[in-house]
């Protein structure tokens, strides 16, 4: 793997030209049909979702959307979903279960939107419900951390049978700046925070938090996106094939056990 520091990986993960959900849909799926709205309040552009074909198989695809231009980023709230976005995602996942479609989620967010209006409309409840409902789905779920995956805003799409990370993506309880502000009351120490948070793909693979790390071209996926797409496609195909061999009833059980054992004490050797 590329020998970058944790802080350098954070910078690569945040690169504005890094492939986003629309790029992955265009490269990996065909016949994508977008579905909008949470059927309760409104449409949230910060989450893109719909039905597509993956190598001819019907699937549901959901991802956070940051935007690449200033106008698109503002429209998508810089990839920070509100409760409507998470309710839309859950609606699509429940639909996927009804029609027995595997679910793919792509995560790149600094976190859920923390504004007063989002909290008033049930942000915390929407995230918590996604966690609960995703743990119970009986169809395969594959989640990919493609850039940043911060806080409950990322986890709300990541309760999956397989959690994959691109090599230069990061996945953590909050941003390094937020971590440094809380721990040292100094956001300027964010580079130091990066080194102790264990937020890089190699760190999280070693800890058992993620299941696979997808290699990126040197310098990051944005420099050779087609190569990154090929690597990710191979990994997704491999993991999906394994999950499709599992029985319907075993998927939620093994998914539940996977997350429950995280952070537990390692077993002692006999």
C-alpha atoms as a PDB file:
ATOM      1  CA  UNK A   1       0.000   0.000   0.000  1.00  0.00           C
ATOM      2  CA  UNK A   2       1.032   3.589  -0.516  1.00  0.00           C
ATOM      3  CA  UNK A   3       3.211   4.754   2.363  1.00  0.00           C
ATOM      4  CA  UNK A   4       1.285   7.897   3.274  1.00  0.00           C
ATOM      5  CA  UNK A   5       0.828   9.318   6.736  1.00  0.00           C
ATOM      6  CA  UNK A   6      -2.645   9.334   8.248  1.00  0.00           C
ATOM      7  CA  UNK A   7      -2.901  13.099   7.730  1.00  0.00           C
ATOM      8  CA  UNK A   8      -1.895  12.716   4.082  1.00  0.00           C
ATOM      9  CA  UNK A   9      -4.571  10.066   3.595  1.00  0.00           C
ATOM     10  CA  UNK A  10      -7.166  12.448   5.041  1.00  0.00           C
ATOM     11  CA  UNK A  11      -6.092  15.054   2.483  1.00  0.00           C
ATOM     12  CA  UNK A  12      -6.392  12.546  -0.374  1.00  0.00           C
ATOM     13  CA  UNK A  13      -9.780  11.349   0.910  1.00  0.00           C
ATOM     14  CA  UNK A  14     -11.042  14.943   0.804  1.00  0.00           C
ATOM     15  CA  UNK A  15      -9.724  15.774  -2.664  1.00  0.00           C
ATOM     16  CA  UNK A  16     -12.528  17.585  -4.525  1.00  0.00           C
ATOM     17  CA  UNK A  17     -11.976  15.599  -7.737  1.00  0.00           C
ATOM     18  CA  UNK A  18     -12.038  12.205  -6.051  1.00  0.00           C
ATOM     19  CA  UNK A  19     -14.636   9.905  -7.698  1.00  0.00           C
ATOM     20  CA  UNK A  20     -18.059  10.280  -6.127  1.00  0.00           C
ATOM     21  CA  UNK A  21     -21.302   8.336  -6.119  1.00  0.00           C
ATOM     22  CA  UNK A  22     -22.315   9.442  -9.622  1.00  0.00           C
ATOM     23  CA  UNK A  23     -18.930   8.326 -10.969  1.00  0.00           C
ATOM     24  CA  UNK A  24     -19.254   4.904  -9.320  1.00  0.00           C
ATOM     25  CA  UNK A  25     -22.787   4.438 -10.608  1.00  0.00           C
ATOM     26  CA  UNK A  26     -21.670   5.311 -14.130  1.00  0.00           C
ATOM     27  CA  UNK A  27     -18.642   3.011 -13.992  1.00  0.00           C
ATOM     28  CA  UNK A  28     -19.969  -0.046 -12.145  1.00  0.00           C
ATOM     29  CA  UNK A  29     -23.696  -0.204 -12.858  1.00  0.00           C
ATOM     30  CA  UNK A  30     -26.060   0.019 -15.814  1.00  0.00           C
ATOM     31  CA  UNK A  31     -29.684   1.087 -16.245  1.00  0.00           C
ATOM     32  CA  UNK A  32     -29.680   3.204 -13.089  1.00  0.00           C
ATOM     33  CA  UNK A  33     -33.116   4.555 -12.212  1.00  0.00           C
ATOM     34  CA  UNK A  34     -33.067   7.224  -9.501  1.00  0.00           C
ATOM     35  CA  UNK A  35     -35.732   7.209  -6.799  1.00  0.00           C
ATOM     36  CA  UNK A  36     -36.388  10.363  -4.815  1.00  0.00           C
ATOM     37  CA  UNK A  37     -38.037  11.473  -1.611  1.00  0.00           C
ATOM     38  CA  UNK A  38     -38.638  10.043   1.836  1.00  0.00           C
ATOM     39  CA  UNK A  39     -42.453   9.938   1.400  1.00  0.00           C
ATOM     40  CA  UNK A  40     -42.744  12.075   4.516  1.00  0.00           C
ATOM     41  CA  UNK A  41     -41.065  15.471   4.177  1.00  0.00           C
ATOM     42  CA  UNK A  42     -38.891  16.158   1.136  1.00  0.00           C
ATOM     43  CA  UNK A  43     -36.146  15.069  -1.241  1.00  0.00           C
ATOM     44  CA  UNK A  44     -32.580  15.262   0.119  1.00  0.00           C
ATOM     45  CA  UNK A  45     -29.977  15.631  -2.673  1.00  0.00           C
ATOM     46  CA  UNK A  46     -27.192  14.698  -0.218  1.00  0.00           C
ATOM     47  CA  UNK A  47     -28.147  11.050  -0.728  1.00  0.00           C
ATOM     48  CA  UNK A  48     -28.537   9.551  -4.187  1.00  0.00           C
ATOM     49  CA  UNK A  49     -30.307   6.224  -4.551  1.00  0.00           C
ATOM     50  CA  UNK A  50     -32.099   3.999  -6.964  1.00  0.00           C
ATOM     51  CA  UNK A  51     -32.301   0.683  -8.787  1.00  0.00           C
ATOM     52  CA  UNK A  52     -29.641  -0.532 -11.223  1.00  0.00           C
ATOM     53  CA  UNK A  53     -28.090  -3.610 -12.770  1.00  0.00           C
ATOM     54  CA  UNK A  54     -24.763  -4.940 -11.549  1.00  0.00           C
ATOM     55  CA  UNK A  55     -23.387  -7.355 -14.143  1.00  0.00           C
ATOM     56  CA  UNK A  56     -26.986  -8.032 -15.140  1.00  0.00           C
ATOM     57  CA  UNK A  57     -28.308  -8.537 -11.598  1.00  0.00           C
ATOM     58  CA  UNK A  58     -30.912  -6.093 -10.205  1.00  0.00           C
ATOM     59  CA  UNK A  59     -29.529  -4.246  -7.186  1.00  0.00           C
ATOM     60  CA  UNK A  60     -30.234  -1.171  -5.106  1.00  0.00           C
ATOM     61  CA  UNK A  61     -27.520   1.506  -5.022  1.00  0.00           C
ATOM     62  CA  UNK A  62     -27.374   4.267  -2.385  1.00  0.00           C
ATOM     63  CA  UNK A  63     -24.652   6.806  -1.689  1.00  0.00           C
ATOM     64  CA  UNK A  64     -23.858  10.126  -0.084  1.00  0.00           C
ATOM     65  CA  UNK A  65     -23.286  12.908  -2.602  1.00  0.00           C
ATOM     66  CA  UNK A  66     -20.892  15.801  -1.891  1.00  0.00           C
ATOM     67  CA  UNK A  67     -20.752  17.411  -5.292  1.00  0.00           C
ATOM     68  CA  UNK A  68     -17.683  18.547  -7.229  1.00  0.00           C
ATOM     69  CA  UNK A  69     -18.551  22.092  -8.252  1.00  0.00           C
ATOM     70  CA  UNK A  70     -19.448  24.863  -5.824  1.00  0.00           C
ATOM     71  CA  UNK A  71     -23.039  24.927  -7.064  1.00  0.00           C
ATOM     72  CA  UNK A  72     -23.464  21.161  -6.784  1.00  0.00           C
ATOM     73  CA  UNK A  73     -21.862  21.071  -3.346  1.00  0.00           C
ATOM     74  CA  UNK A  74     -24.241  23.730  -2.048  1.00  0.00           C
ATOM     75  CA  UNK A  75     -27.235  21.906  -3.515  1.00  0.00           C
ATOM     76  CA  UNK A  76     -26.088  18.653  -1.860  1.00  0.00           C
ATOM     77  CA  UNK A  77     -25.282  20.379   1.441  1.00  0.00           C
ATOM     78  CA  UNK A  78     -21.639  19.295   1.008  1.00  0.00           C
ATOM     79  CA  UNK A  79     -22.590  15.650   1.483  1.00  0.00           C
ATOM     80  CA  UNK A  80     -24.168  16.116   4.915  1.00  0.00           C
ATOM     81  CA  UNK A  81     -27.579  14.409   4.776  1.00  0.00           C
ATOM     82  CA  UNK A  82     -30.586  15.433   6.789  1.00  0.00           C
ATOM     83  CA  UNK A  83     -33.098  12.982   8.278  1.00  0.00           C
ATOM     84  CA  UNK A  84     -34.989  12.935   4.971  1.00  0.00           C
ATOM     85  CA  UNK A  85     -31.920  11.498   3.245  1.00  0.00           C
ATOM     86  CA  UNK A  86     -31.596   8.661   5.732  1.00  0.00           C
ATOM     87  CA  UNK A  87     -35.327   7.934   5.552  1.00  0.00           C
ATOM     88  CA  UNK A  88     -35.077   7.832   1.757  1.00  0.00           C
ATOM     89  CA  UNK A  89     -32.155   5.412   2.026  1.00  0.00           C
ATOM     90  CA  UNK A  90     -34.110   3.194   4.394  1.00  0.00           C
ATOM     91  CA  UNK A  91     -37.157   3.269   2.118  1.00  0.00           C
ATOM     92  CA  UNK A  92     -34.998   2.024  -0.749  1.00  0.00           C
ATOM     93  CA  UNK A  93     -33.389  -0.667   1.381  1.00  0.00           C
ATOM     94  CA  UNK A  94     -36.768  -1.976   2.535  1.00  0.00           C
ATOM     95  CA  UNK A  95     -37.886  -1.986  -1.090  1.00  0.00           C
ATOM     96  CA  UNK A  96     -34.732  -3.947  -1.974  1.00  0.00           C
ATOM     97  CA  UNK A  97     -35.619  -6.544   0.634  1.00  0.00           C
ATOM     98  CA  UNK A  98     -39.161  -6.873  -0.739  1.00  0.00           C
ATOM     99  CA  UNK A  99     -37.831  -7.600  -4.224  1.00  0.00           C
ATOM    100  CA  UNK A 100     -34.749  -9.560  -3.043  1.00  0.00           C
ATOM    101  CA  UNK A 101     -32.189  -7.126  -4.441  1.00  0.00           C
ATOM    102  CA  UNK A 102     -28.681  -6.862  -2.912  1.00  0.00           C
ATOM    103  CA  UNK A 103     -27.862  -3.407  -1.533  1.00  0.00           C
ATOM    104  CA  UNK A 104     -24.708  -1.428  -2.344  1.00  0.00           C
ATOM    105  CA  UNK A 105     -23.919   1.712  -0.353  1.00  0.00           C
ATOM    106  CA  UNK A 106     -21.171   4.235  -1.119  1.00  0.00           C
ATOM    107  CA  UNK A 107     -20.115   6.508   1.732  1.00  0.00           C
ATOM    108  CA  UNK A 108     -18.301   9.831   1.527  1.00  0.00           C
ATOM    109  CA  UNK A 109     -19.477  12.274   4.165  1.00  0.00           C
ATOM    110  CA  UNK A 110     -18.029  14.465   6.879  1.00  0.00           C
ATOM    111  CA  UNK A 111     -21.108  13.523   8.903  1.00  0.00           C
ATOM    112  CA  UNK A 112     -24.845  14.029   9.124  1.00  0.00           C
ATOM    113  CA  UNK A 113     -26.031  17.633   8.998  1.00  0.00           C
ATOM    114  CA  UNK A 114     -25.994  18.952  12.609  1.00  0.00           C
ATOM    115  CA  UNK A 115     -28.271  21.954  12.101  1.00  0.00           C
ATOM    116  CA  UNK A 116     -31.173  22.823  14.370  1.00  0.00           C
ATOM    117  CA  UNK A 117     -33.762  22.142  11.669  1.00  0.00           C
ATOM    118  CA  UNK A 118     -32.369  18.657  11.039  1.00  0.00           C
ATOM    119  CA  UNK A 119     -32.495  17.849  14.739  1.00  0.00           C
ATOM    120  CA  UNK A 120     -36.043  19.201  14.930  1.00  0.00           C
ATOM    121  CA  UNK A 121     -37.102  16.848  12.119  1.00  0.00           C
ATOM    122  CA  UNK A 122     -35.606  13.801  13.849  1.00  0.00           C
ATOM    123  CA  UNK A 123     -31.996  13.455  12.705  1.00  0.00           C
ATOM    124  CA  UNK A 124     -30.938  11.242  15.598  1.00  0.00           C
ATOM    125  CA  UNK A 125     -33.983   9.009  15.296  1.00  0.00           C
ATOM    126  CA  UNK A 126     -33.534   8.619  11.539  1.00  0.00           C
ATOM    127  CA  UNK A 127     -29.923   7.502  11.954  1.00  0.00           C
ATOM    128  CA  UNK A 128     -30.753   5.152  14.819  1.00  0.00           C
ATOM    129  CA  UNK A 129     -33.590   3.575  12.858  1.00  0.00           C
ATOM    130  CA  UNK A 130     -31.280   2.938   9.903  1.00  0.00           C
ATOM    131  CA  UNK A 131     -28.840   1.158  12.193  1.00  0.00           C
ATOM    132  CA  UNK A 132     -31.584  -1.050  13.585  1.00  0.00           C
ATOM    133  CA  UNK A 133     -33.305  -1.795  10.292  1.00  0.00           C
ATOM    134  CA  UNK A 134     -30.098  -2.449   8.357  1.00  0.00           C
ATOM    135  CA  UNK A 135     -29.061  -4.998  10.960  1.00  0.00           C
ATOM    136  CA  UNK A 136     -32.257  -6.934  10.192  1.00  0.00           C
ATOM    137  CA  UNK A 137     -32.288  -6.933   6.384  1.00  0.00           C
ATOM    138  CA  UNK A 138     -32.228 -10.399   4.864  1.00  0.00           C
ATOM    139  CA  UNK A 139     -30.557  -9.372   1.586  1.00  0.00           C
ATOM    140  CA  UNK A 140     -26.783  -8.947   1.123  1.00  0.00           C
ATOM    141  CA  UNK A 141     -25.452  -5.485   1.983  1.00  0.00           C
ATOM    142  CA  UNK A 142     -22.081  -4.225   0.769  1.00  0.00           C
ATOM    143  CA  UNK A 143     -20.805  -0.843   1.952  1.00  0.00           C
ATOM    144  CA  UNK A 144     -17.833   1.020   0.488  1.00  0.00           C
ATOM    145  CA  UNK A 145     -16.060   3.924   2.186  1.00  0.00           C
ATOM    146  CA  UNK A 146     -14.890   5.919  -0.822  1.00  0.00           C
ATOM    147  CA  UNK A 147     -13.650   9.130   0.827  1.00  0.00           C
ATOM    148  CA  UNK A 148     -14.534  10.291   4.317  1.00  0.00           C
ATOM    149  CA  UNK A 149     -16.749   8.190   6.553  1.00  0.00           C
ATOM    150  CA  UNK A 150     -17.354  10.205   9.693  1.00  0.00           C
ATOM    151  CA  UNK A 151     -19.666   9.713  12.641  1.00  0.00           C
ATOM    152  CA  UNK A 152     -23.173   8.269  12.694  1.00  0.00           C
ATOM    153  CA  UNK A 153     -23.819   9.959   9.381  1.00  0.00           C
ATOM    154  CA  UNK A 154     -21.550   7.364   7.775  1.00  0.00           C
ATOM    155  CA  UNK A 155     -22.554   4.435   9.967  1.00  0.00           C
ATOM    156  CA  UNK A 156     -26.208   4.928   8.996  1.00  0.00           C
ATOM    157  CA  UNK A 157     -25.282   3.435   5.603  1.00  0.00           C
ATOM    158  CA  UNK A 158     -22.578   1.042   6.787  1.00  0.00           C
ATOM    159  CA  UNK A 159     -24.265  -1.699   8.840  1.00  0.00           C
ATOM    160  CA  UNK A 160     -23.301  -4.155   6.134  1.00  0.00           C
ATOM    161  CA  UNK A 161     -22.257  -7.765   5.652  1.00  0.00           C
ATOM    162  CA  UNK A 162     -19.049  -6.523   4.044  1.00  0.00           C
ATOM    163  CA  UNK A 163     -17.523  -3.106   4.673  1.00  0.00           C
ATOM    164  CA  UNK A 164     -14.858  -2.164   2.140  1.00  0.00           C
ATOM    165  CA  UNK A 165     -12.552   0.851   2.128  1.00  0.00           C
ATOM    166  CA  UNK A 166     -10.614   2.429  -0.665  1.00  0.00           C
ATOM    167  CA  UNK A 167      -6.958   2.566   0.280  1.00  0.00           C
ATOM    168  CA  UNK A 168      -6.855   6.318   0.877  1.00  0.00           C
ATOM    169  CA  UNK A 169     -10.281   6.693   2.467  1.00  0.00           C
ATOM    170  CA  UNK A 170     -10.798   7.295   6.193  1.00  0.00           C
ATOM    171  CA  UNK A 171     -13.470   6.074   8.630  1.00  0.00           C
ATOM    172  CA  UNK A 172     -13.861   7.484  12.130  1.00  0.00           C
ATOM    173  CA  UNK A 173     -16.179   8.654  14.901  1.00  0.00           C
ATOM    174  CA  UNK A 174     -15.688  12.290  13.824  1.00  0.00           C
ATOM    175  CA  UNK A 175     -13.321  14.493  11.855  1.00  0.00           C
ATOM    176  CA  UNK A 176      -9.722  14.965  13.043  1.00  0.00           C
ATOM    177  CA  UNK A 177     -10.480  18.656  13.566  1.00  0.00           C
ATOM    178  CA  UNK A 178     -13.427  17.798  15.794  1.00  0.00           C
ATOM    179  CA  UNK A 179     -11.387  15.206  17.667  1.00  0.00           C
ATOM    180  CA  UNK A 180      -8.608  17.723  18.350  1.00  0.00           C
ATOM    181  CA  UNK A 181     -11.118  20.374  19.412  1.00  0.00           C
ATOM    182  CA  UNK A 182     -12.684  18.054  21.969  1.00  0.00           C
ATOM    183  CA  UNK A 183      -9.523  16.406  23.268  1.00  0.00           C
ATOM    184  CA  UNK A 184      -7.131  19.374  23.293  1.00  0.00           C
ATOM    185  CA  UNK A 185      -9.442  22.339  22.645  1.00  0.00           C
ATOM    186  CA  UNK A 186      -7.260  23.094  19.635  1.00  0.00           C
ATOM    187  CA  UNK A 187      -8.438  22.194  16.122  1.00  0.00           C
ATOM    188  CA  UNK A 188      -4.996  23.160  14.862  1.00  0.00           C
ATOM    189  CA  UNK A 189      -3.673  19.856  16.196  1.00  0.00           C
ATOM    190  CA  UNK A 190      -5.714  17.892  13.687  1.00  0.00           C
ATOM    191  CA  UNK A 191      -2.654  16.342  12.041  1.00  0.00           C
ATOM    192  CA  UNK A 192      -1.625  14.929  15.400  1.00  0.00           C
ATOM    193  CA  UNK A 193      -5.174  13.642  15.877  1.00  0.00           C
ATOM    194  CA  UNK A 194      -4.993  11.804  12.546  1.00  0.00           C
ATOM    195  CA  UNK A 195      -2.095   9.729  13.807  1.00  0.00           C
ATOM    196  CA  UNK A 196      -3.813   8.532  16.990  1.00  0.00           C
ATOM    197  CA  UNK A 197      -7.382   8.034  15.755  1.00  0.00           C
ATOM    198  CA  UNK A 198      -6.679   4.810  13.788  1.00  0.00           C
ATOM    199  CA  UNK A 199      -8.842   6.076  10.942  1.00  0.00           C
ATOM    200  CA  UNK A 200      -6.949   4.746   7.927  1.00  0.00           C
ATOM    201  CA  UNK A 201      -7.890   1.671   5.916  1.00  0.00           C
ATOM    202  CA  UNK A 202      -4.840  -0.386   7.010  1.00  0.00           C
ATOM    203  CA  UNK A 203      -5.529   0.455  10.667  1.00  0.00           C
ATOM    204  CA  UNK A 204      -9.183  -0.497  10.457  1.00  0.00           C
ATOM    205  CA  UNK A 205      -8.506  -3.692   8.527  1.00  0.00           C
ATOM    206  CA  UNK A 206      -6.085  -4.769  11.274  1.00  0.00           C
ATOM    207  CA  UNK A 207      -8.715  -3.943  13.924  1.00  0.00           C
ATOM    208  CA  UNK A 208     -11.397  -5.948  12.129  1.00  0.00           C
ATOM    209  CA  UNK A 209     -13.657  -2.938  11.581  1.00  0.00           C
ATOM    210  CA  UNK A 210     -13.556  -3.327   7.791  1.00  0.00           C
ATOM    211  CA  UNK A 211     -13.337  -6.461   5.683  1.00  0.00           C
ATOM    212  CA  UNK A 212     -11.246  -5.457   2.686  1.00  0.00           C
ATOM    213  CA  UNK A 213      -9.060  -2.616   1.429  1.00  0.00           C
ATOM    214  CA  UNK A 214      -9.227  -1.707  -2.258  1.00  0.00           C
ATOM    215  CA  UNK A 215      -5.893  -0.565  -3.760  1.00  0.00           C
ATOM    216  CA  UNK A 216      -5.768   2.874  -5.359  1.00  0.00           C
ATOM    217  CA  UNK A 217      -3.456   4.224  -8.040  1.00  0.00           C
ATOM    218  CA  UNK A 218      -0.452   6.070  -6.682  1.00  0.00           C
ATOM    219  CA  UNK A 219      -1.516   9.544  -5.607  1.00  0.00           C
ATOM    220  CA  UNK A 220      -5.184   8.639  -5.216  1.00  0.00           C
ATOM    221  CA  UNK A 221      -8.208   7.381  -7.142  1.00  0.00           C
ATOM    222  CA  UNK A 222      -8.811  10.779  -8.735  1.00  0.00           C
ATOM    223  CA  UNK A 223      -5.591  10.483 -10.754  1.00  0.00           C
ATOM    224  CA  UNK A 224      -6.580   7.225 -12.489  1.00  0.00           C
ATOM    225  CA  UNK A 225     -10.251   6.573 -11.761  1.00  0.00           C
ATOM    226  CA  UNK A 226     -10.649   3.773 -14.296  1.00  0.00           C
ATOM    227  CA  UNK A 227      -7.994   1.714 -12.509  1.00  0.00           C
ATOM    228  CA  UNK A 228      -9.737   2.344  -9.180  1.00  0.00           C
ATOM    229  CA  UNK A 229     -13.092   1.302 -10.670  1.00  0.00           C
ATOM    230  CA  UNK A 230     -11.618  -1.986 -11.930  1.00  0.00           C
ATOM    231  CA  UNK A 231     -10.153  -2.854  -8.536  1.00  0.00           C
ATOM    232  CA  UNK A 232     -13.388  -2.039  -6.756  1.00  0.00           C
ATOM    233  CA  UNK A 233     -15.474  -3.962  -9.269  1.00  0.00           C
ATOM    234  CA  UNK A 234     -13.384  -7.085  -8.732  1.00  0.00           C
ATOM    235  CA  UNK A 235     -13.732  -6.819  -4.961  1.00  0.00           C
ATOM    236  CA  UNK A 236     -17.471  -6.169  -5.049  1.00  0.00           C
ATOM    237  CA  UNK A 237     -18.054  -9.084  -7.396  1.00  0.00           C
ATOM    238  CA  UNK A 238     -16.033 -11.414  -5.191  1.00  0.00           C
ATOM    239  CA  UNK A 239     -17.771 -10.435  -1.964  1.00  0.00           C
ATOM    240  CA  UNK A 240     -21.249 -10.426  -3.496  1.00  0.00           C
ATOM    241  CA  UNK A 241     -20.735 -13.927  -4.909  1.00  0.00           C
ATOM    242  CA  UNK A 242     -19.811 -15.191  -1.440  1.00  0.00           C
ATOM    243  CA  UNK A 243     -22.806 -13.527   0.212  1.00  0.00           C
ATOM    244  CA  UNK A 244     -25.260 -14.877  -2.356  1.00  0.00           C
ATOM    245  CA  UNK A 245     -24.306 -18.378  -1.252  1.00  0.00           C
ATOM    246  CA  UNK A 246     -25.508 -17.637   2.289  1.00  0.00           C
ATOM    247  CA  UNK A 247     -29.010 -18.559   3.368  1.00  0.00           C
ATOM    248  CA  UNK A 248     -31.539 -15.765   3.856  1.00  0.00           C
ATOM    249  CA  UNK A 249     -31.799 -16.368   7.593  1.00  0.00           C
ATOM    250  CA  UNK A 250     -28.071 -16.460   8.214  1.00  0.00           C
ATOM    251  CA  UNK A 251     -27.280 -12.989   6.857  1.00  0.00           C
ATOM    252  CA  UNK A 252     -28.822 -10.863   9.649  1.00  0.00           C
ATOM    253  CA  UNK A 253     -27.443 -13.238  12.288  1.00  0.00           C
ATOM    254  CA  UNK A 254     -23.871 -13.085  11.000  1.00  0.00           C
ATOM    255  CA  UNK A 255     -24.169  -9.315  10.416  1.00  0.00           C
ATOM    256  CA  UNK A 256     -25.309  -8.794  13.993  1.00  0.00           C
ATOM    257  CA  UNK A 257     -22.482 -10.920  15.355  1.00  0.00           C
ATOM    258  CA  UNK A 258     -19.946  -9.116  13.174  1.00  0.00           C
ATOM    259  CA  UNK A 259     -20.754  -5.749  14.733  1.00  0.00           C
ATOM    260  CA  UNK A 260     -21.263  -7.023  18.275  1.00  0.00           C
ATOM    261  CA  UNK A 261     -17.770  -8.483  18.465  1.00  0.00           C
ATOM    262  CA  UNK A 262     -16.035  -5.269  17.370  1.00  0.00           C
ATOM    263  CA  UNK A 263     -13.952  -3.833  20.188  1.00  0.00           C
ATOM    264  CA  UNK A 264     -14.051  -7.037  22.196  1.00  0.00           C
ATOM    265  CA  UNK A 265     -10.986  -8.525  23.832  1.00  0.00           C
ATOM    266  CA  UNK A 266      -9.025 -10.802  21.471  1.00  0.00           C
ATOM    267  CA  UNK A 267      -9.308 -14.502  22.180  1.00  0.00           C
ATOM    268  CA  UNK A 268      -6.391 -16.025  24.009  1.00  0.00           C
ATOM    269  CA  UNK A 269      -4.428 -18.736  22.262  1.00  0.00           C
ATOM    270  CA  UNK A 270      -4.998 -22.209  23.763  1.00  0.00           C
END
